[in-house]
Amino acid sequence: MMKKTTLPVALVQERDHGDADANLAVIEARVAEAARAGARLVLLQELHNGCYFCQHESVAEFDLAEPVPGPSTERLGRLAKQHGVVLVASLFERRAAGLYHNTAVVLETDGRVVGKYRKMHIPDDPGFYEKFYFTPGDLGFQPIDTSVGRLGVLVCWDQWYPEGARLMALAGAELLLYPTAIGWDPGDEDAEKQRQRDAWILSHRGHAVANGLPVLSCNRVGHEPSPIGAAGLDFWGNSHVLGPQGEFLAEAGGEPQVLMAEVDLARSEHVRRIWPFLRDRRIDAYDGLLKRYLD
């Protein structure tokens, strides 16, 4: 019988509180709450330091970016060390003048930055004008080794691409983590809202099943107005933790919440023995995946 290895995890699902100092102060309180409840791994939502500024295109928003390491990683590093947790953060990275990334940062229990992931897939859709701000990532799909396991960290729009999750799994990731900012137009019909949210959850469940891995997805909540007079976005929350067969271990609603769950890391070994998808992959027949489209 395989040994049970349980990892207590927490997802901090929050709304925007106005600026970086206010948001980081709330994050400090939420991480403390998670640590008191026993969490050893804490995941924050995408671009948690402020509003989702990508609803419009403005060069002034680049003033929000900062280097990594930088002021936020120093503050979050102290927080991780204070509570003895591995903390996965999401920042607007200034790499150089005119060169910016949407970057997830992993901080160890001693406060060190032990790795980062730069968002690979960058959307450009109404209300999500990210190509104006973010250069596509160049670090590849490389898991980050931590004291709680090997983390396959991806970011939001990456969640729609099975290739990223698969490559993380093939590189030995033990969990897949997605800091996320996804919501709907308040004017959408209820049925359309439900379809969008169901598709989003289904994509994560698919990553869990196809790779035999737990999946953690942390979304923001609340209405954020558009700076250009559009309807704004309603971020729907519904952060969740899934087991390696896509089963729900925990799921949040639409309000701020610290979502706790227990993840059994040994279950992936068991699931992959009965569903050996990696064994049966036809790697000799997948050349077409390297093409944009098979005309």
Protein backbone atom coordinates (compact mmCIF):
# COMPACT_ATOMS: atom_id res chain seq x y z
CA MET A 1 0.00 0.00 0.00
CA MET A 2 1.34 3.44 -0.96
CA LYS A 3 2.06 5.89 1.81
CA LYS A 4 -0.40 8.75 2.12
CA THR A 5 1.32 12.12 1.77
CA THR A 6 -1.12 14.88 2.58
CA LEU A 7 -0.41 18.53 1.80
CA PRO A 8 -2.68 21.21 3.33
CA VAL A 9 -3.17 23.99 0.79
CA ALA A 10 -4.96 27.36 0.77
CA LEU A 11 -6.22 29.59 -2.04
CA VAL A 12 -6.70 33.28 -1.25
CA GLN A 13 -9.70 34.43 -3.31
CA GLU A 14 -10.03 38.19 -2.96
CA ARG A 15 -11.38 41.39 -4.50
CA ASP A 16 -9.35 44.48 -5.34
CA HIS A 17 -8.93 46.86 -2.40
CA GLY A 18 -7.68 49.86 -4.35
CA ASP A 19 -3.89 49.78 -4.45
CA ALA A 20 -0.88 47.58 -3.82
CA ASP A 21 -0.44 48.51 -0.16
CA ALA A 22 -4.09 47.82 0.64
CA ASN A 23 -4.12 44.55 -1.29
CA LEU A 24 -0.88 43.32 0.25
CA ALA A 25 -2.17 44.16 3.73
CA VAL A 26 -5.24 42.00 3.08
CA ILE A 27 -3.04 39.25 1.67
CA GLU A 28 -0.93 39.32 4.82
CA ALA A 29 -4.04 38.81 6.95
CA ARG A 30 -5.35 36.02 4.69
CA VAL A 31 -2.03 34.16 4.61
CA ALA A 32 -1.86 34.37 8.40
CA GLU A 33 -5.38 32.91 8.52
CA ALA A 34 -4.38 30.11 6.15
CA ALA A 35 -1.27 29.31 8.18
CA ARG A 36 -3.28 29.14 11.40
CA ALA A 37 -5.53 26.62 9.68
CA GLY A 38 -2.49 24.50 8.83
CA ALA A 39 -1.74 25.44 5.21
CA ARG A 40 1.77 24.71 3.96
CA LEU A 41 1.18 25.96 0.40
CA VAL A 42 -0.72 29.19 -0.37
CA LEU A 43 -1.79 30.29 -3.85
CA LEU A 44 -2.77 33.90 -4.63
CA GLN A 45 -4.84 35.14 -7.57
CA GLU A 46 -3.50 36.68 -10.77
CA LEU A 47 -2.14 40.27 -10.52
CA HIS A 48 -3.27 40.49 -6.90
CA ASN A 49 -1.55 43.80 -6.15
CA GLY A 50 -4.23 45.88 -7.83
CA CYS A 51 -7.19 46.05 -10.15
CA TYR A 52 -7.25 44.12 -13.40
CA PHE A 53 -5.85 47.05 -15.39
CA CYS A 54 -5.89 45.20 -18.73
CA GLN A 55 -9.48 46.30 -19.41
CA HIS A 56 -7.95 49.19 -21.39
CA GLU A 57 -4.68 50.14 -23.08
CA SER A 58 -2.75 52.92 -21.35
CA VAL A 59 0.98 53.51 -21.10
CA ALA A 60 0.40 54.94 -17.61
CA GLU A 61 -0.36 51.43 -16.31
CA PHE A 62 3.26 50.43 -16.88
CA ASP A 63 4.08 52.46 -13.77
CA LEU A 64 2.53 49.59 -11.77
CA ALA A 65 5.24 47.16 -12.89
CA GLU A 66 8.23 46.30 -10.70
CA PRO A 67 11.34 44.15 -10.91
CA VAL A 68 11.40 40.56 -9.71
CA PRO A 69 12.99 40.31 -7.17
CA GLY A 70 11.70 43.66 -5.99
CA PRO A 71 9.58 45.40 -3.36
CA SER A 72 6.62 43.00 -3.52
CA THR A 73 8.73 39.85 -3.48
CA GLU A 74 10.60 41.23 -0.45
CA ARG A 75 7.34 41.84 1.40
CA LEU A 76 5.83 38.52 0.34
CA GLY A 77 9.07 36.73 1.17
CA ARG A 78 8.93 38.04 4.71
CA LEU A 79 5.33 36.86 4.88
CA ALA A 80 6.20 33.35 3.67
CA LYS A 81 9.05 33.13 6.17
CA GLN A 82 6.94 34.46 9.06
CA HIS A 83 4.32 31.75 8.58
CA GLY A 84 6.52 28.96 7.22
CA VAL A 85 4.55 28.53 3.99
CA VAL A 86 5.41 28.19 0.34
CA LEU A 87 3.69 31.16 -1.31
CA VAL A 88 2.81 31.47 -5.01
CA ALA A 89 2.33 35.11 -6.01
CA SER A 90 1.43 36.87 -9.30
CA LEU A 91 3.11 40.13 -10.30
CA PHE A 92 3.45 42.65 -13.14
CA GLU A 93 7.16 42.24 -13.84
CA ARG A 94 9.32 45.04 -15.24
CA ARG A 95 12.22 43.23 -16.87
CA ALA A 96 13.60 46.27 -18.70
CA ALA A 97 12.34 49.50 -20.17
CA GLY A 98 9.58 48.52 -22.59
CA LEU A 99 9.78 44.83 -21.63
CA TYR A 100 7.19 43.52 -19.18
CA HIS A 101 5.78 40.14 -18.19
CA ASN A 102 2.85 38.66 -16.29
CA THR A 103 4.90 36.62 -13.85
CA ALA A 104 4.15 34.07 -11.15
CA VAL A 105 6.73 33.95 -8.37
CA VAL A 106 7.31 31.11 -5.90
CA LEU A 107 8.63 31.98 -2.44
CA GLU A 108 10.01 29.35 -0.09
CA THR A 109 9.37 28.98 3.63
CA ASP A 110 12.60 30.87 4.31
CA GLY A 111 11.46 33.80 2.17
CA ARG A 112 13.66 33.13 -0.85
CA VAL A 113 12.45 33.44 -4.44
CA VAL A 114 13.03 29.89 -5.67
CA GLY A 115 11.52 30.24 -9.11
CA LYS A 116 9.27 32.16 -11.43
CA TYR A 117 7.08 31.48 -14.44
CA ARG A 118 6.30 34.05 -17.11
CA LYS A 119 2.84 33.68 -18.62
CA MET A 120 3.19 32.02 -22.02
CA HIS A 121 -0.24 32.50 -23.61
CA ILE A 122 -1.29 36.16 -23.76
CA PRO A 123 -4.91 37.04 -24.63
CA ASP A 124 -6.15 40.05 -26.56
CA ASP A 125 -9.94 40.16 -26.27
CA PRO A 126 -12.51 42.80 -25.29
CA GLY A 127 -11.79 43.66 -21.67
CA PHE A 128 -8.61 41.54 -21.63
CA TYR A 129 -6.06 43.59 -23.60
CA GLU A 130 -3.01 41.81 -22.25
CA LYS A 131 -0.91 41.81 -25.42
CA PHE A 132 -0.49 45.58 -24.97
CA TYR A 133 1.21 45.00 -21.61
CA PHE A 134 2.84 41.58 -21.50
CA THR A 135 5.59 40.00 -23.55
CA PRO A 136 4.99 36.23 -23.88
CA GLY A 137 7.03 34.21 -21.43
CA ASP A 138 10.43 32.83 -22.36
CA LEU A 139 11.12 30.50 -19.43
CA GLY A 140 9.19 27.58 -20.90
CA PHE A 141 7.09 25.11 -18.95
CA GLN A 142 9.51 24.24 -16.16
CA PRO A 143 8.24 23.09 -12.74
CA ILE A 144 9.66 24.75 -9.66
CA ASP A 145 11.09 22.61 -6.86
CA THR A 146 9.99 23.56 -3.34
CA SER A 147 9.92 22.02 0.11
CA VAL A 148 6.29 20.95 -0.45
CA GLY A 149 6.79 19.44 -3.89
CA ARG A 150 7.49 20.21 -7.54
CA LEU A 151 5.04 22.89 -8.64
CA GLY A 152 3.83 23.30 -12.21
CA VAL A 153 2.85 26.96 -12.13
CA LEU A 154 0.90 28.46 -15.05
CA VAL A 155 -1.19 31.64 -15.30
CA CYS A 156 -4.84 32.24 -16.28
CA TRP A 157 -5.08 32.15 -20.12
CA ASP A 158 -2.66 29.20 -20.02
CA GLN A 159 -5.59 27.26 -18.52
CA TRP A 160 -7.19 26.80 -21.95
CA TYR A 161 -4.15 25.06 -23.44
CA PRO A 162 -3.62 21.35 -22.68
CA GLU A 163 -0.09 21.56 -24.05
CA GLY A 164 1.19 23.67 -21.15
CA ALA A 165 -0.28 21.39 -18.50
CA ARG A 166 1.04 18.33 -20.30
CA LEU A 167 4.57 19.72 -20.60
CA MET A 168 4.57 20.57 -16.89
CA ALA A 169 3.47 17.01 -16.15
CA LEU A 170 6.13 15.53 -18.44
CA ALA A 171 8.75 17.60 -16.60
CA GLY A 172 7.73 16.02 -13.31
CA ALA A 173 5.28 18.51 -11.80
CA GLU A 174 3.42 17.09 -8.80
CA LEU A 175 0.70 19.77 -8.79
CA LEU A 176 -0.62 22.26 -11.35
CA LEU A 177 -1.33 25.78 -10.07
CA TYR A 178 -3.17 28.58 -11.87
CA PRO A 179 -3.37 32.15 -10.53
CA THR A 180 -6.36 33.50 -12.45
CA ALA A 181 -8.40 36.62 -13.23
CA ILE A 182 -11.47 35.57 -15.17
CA GLY A 183 -14.96 37.00 -15.23
CA TRP A 184 -17.86 37.87 -17.46
CA ASP A 185 -19.44 40.97 -18.95
CA PRO A 186 -22.26 42.00 -16.59
CA GLY A 187 -24.51 42.34 -19.64
CA ASP A 188 -24.20 38.70 -20.67
CA GLU A 189 -27.29 36.55 -20.32
CA ASP A 190 -27.37 34.19 -17.36
CA ALA A 191 -27.16 31.12 -19.59
CA GLU A 192 -24.04 32.50 -21.29
CA LYS A 193 -22.45 33.25 -17.92
CA GLN A 194 -23.11 29.69 -16.80
CA ARG A 195 -21.59 28.28 -20.01
CA GLN A 196 -18.44 30.35 -19.57
CA ARG A 197 -17.93 29.36 -15.95
CA ASP A 198 -18.68 25.69 -16.66
CA ALA A 199 -16.17 25.67 -19.53
CA TRP A 200 -13.51 27.22 -17.30
CA ILE A 201 -14.00 24.64 -14.57
CA LEU A 202 -14.15 21.82 -17.13
CA SER A 203 -10.80 22.88 -18.60
CA HIS A 204 -9.15 22.51 -15.20
CA ARG A 205 -10.81 19.18 -14.57
CA GLY A 206 -9.51 18.03 -17.94
CA HIS A 207 -5.94 18.98 -16.99
CA ALA A 208 -6.27 17.00 -13.77
CA VAL A 209 -7.65 13.91 -15.48
CA ALA A 210 -5.36 13.93 -18.53
CA ASN A 211 -2.24 14.28 -16.41
CA GLY A 212 -3.25 12.47 -13.22
CA LEU A 213 -2.36 15.51 -11.13
CA PRO A 214 -4.04 17.75 -8.53
CA VAL A 215 -4.99 21.19 -9.86
CA LEU A 216 -5.30 24.42 -7.86
CA SER A 217 -6.98 27.42 -9.51
CA CYS A 218 -7.33 30.73 -7.62
CA ASN A 219 -9.56 33.41 -9.16
CA ARG A 220 -10.39 36.96 -8.06
CA VAL A 221 -13.90 38.18 -7.20
CA GLY A 222 -15.95 41.35 -7.42
CA HIS A 223 -17.01 43.91 -10.00
CA GLU A 224 -14.23 46.04 -11.48
CA PRO A 225 -15.35 49.03 -13.58
CA SER A 226 -13.82 49.72 -16.95
CA PRO A 227 -11.61 52.86 -17.20
CA ILE A 228 -12.97 53.51 -20.71
CA GLY A 229 -16.69 53.47 -19.97
CA ALA A 230 -17.46 49.87 -20.88
CA ALA A 231 -19.51 47.60 -18.62
CA GLY A 232 -16.50 46.39 -16.65
CA LEU A 233 -15.99 42.82 -15.49
CA ASP A 234 -17.59 40.68 -12.82
CA PHE A 235 -14.93 38.28 -11.59
CA TRP A 236 -16.78 35.13 -10.63
CA GLY A 237 -14.47 33.50 -8.06
CA ASN A 238 -15.23 29.77 -7.87
CA SER A 239 -11.61 29.00 -7.02
CA HIS A 240 -11.14 25.27 -6.61
CA VAL A 241 -8.85 22.41 -5.72
CA LEU A 242 -9.12 19.20 -7.74
CA GLY A 243 -7.75 15.72 -7.23
CA PRO A 244 -5.98 13.72 -9.98
CA GLN A 245 -9.25 12.31 -11.35
CA GLY A 246 -10.78 15.77 -11.61
CA GLU A 247 -12.72 15.35 -8.38
CA PHE A 248 -13.50 18.46 -6.32
CA LEU A 249 -11.57 18.61 -3.07
CA ALA A 250 -12.78 22.14 -2.34
CA GLU A 251 -14.64 24.88 -4.21
CA ALA A 252 -15.30 28.53 -3.33
CA GLY A 253 -18.29 30.67 -4.17
CA GLY A 254 -18.32 34.22 -5.43
CA GLU A 255 -17.15 36.07 -2.32
CA PRO A 256 -13.70 36.68 -0.76
CA GLN A 257 -12.57 33.50 0.94
CA VAL A 258 -9.57 31.51 2.11
CA LEU A 259 -10.28 28.13 0.53
CA MET A 260 -8.63 25.23 2.35
CA ALA A 261 -8.08 21.68 1.13
CA GLU A 262 -6.03 18.58 1.82
CA VAL A 263 -4.21 17.21 -1.22
CA ASP A 264 -2.94 13.62 -1.13
CA LEU A 265 0.17 13.74 -3.30
CA ALA A 266 0.44 9.94 -3.31
CA ARG A 267 -2.85 9.55 -5.16
CA SER A 268 -1.29 10.58 -8.46
CA GLU A 269 0.86 7.46 -8.42
CA HIS A 270 -2.20 5.29 -7.81
CA VAL A 271 -4.30 7.02 -10.48
CA ARG A 272 -1.54 6.83 -13.09
CA ARG A 273 -1.20 3.09 -12.49
CA ILE A 274 -4.84 2.46 -13.37
CA TRP A 275 -5.02 5.17 -16.06
CA PRO A 276 -1.51 5.09 -17.63
CA PHE A 277 -2.04 7.89 -20.12
CA LEU A 278 1.64 8.82 -20.21
CA ARG A 279 2.55 5.23 -21.11
CA ASP A 280 0.16 5.09 -24.05
CA ARG A 281 0.97 8.43 -25.66
CA ARG A 282 1.84 8.06 -29.36
CA ILE A 283 4.76 10.45 -29.41
CA ASP A 284 5.70 9.16 -32.87
CA ALA A 285 2.45 10.54 -34.31
CA TYR A 286 2.18 14.04 -32.83
CA ASP A 287 4.28 16.08 -35.27
CA GLY A 288 1.19 18.03 -36.28
CA LEU A 289 1.04 19.63 -32.84
CA LEU A 290 4.02 21.78 -33.83
CA LYS A 291 1.98 23.42 -36.59
CA ARG A 292 -0.46 26.32 -36.20
CA TYR A 293 -3.10 24.49 -38.22
CA LEU A 294 -3.18 21.45 -40.51
CA ASP A 295 -4.33 22.99 -43.81
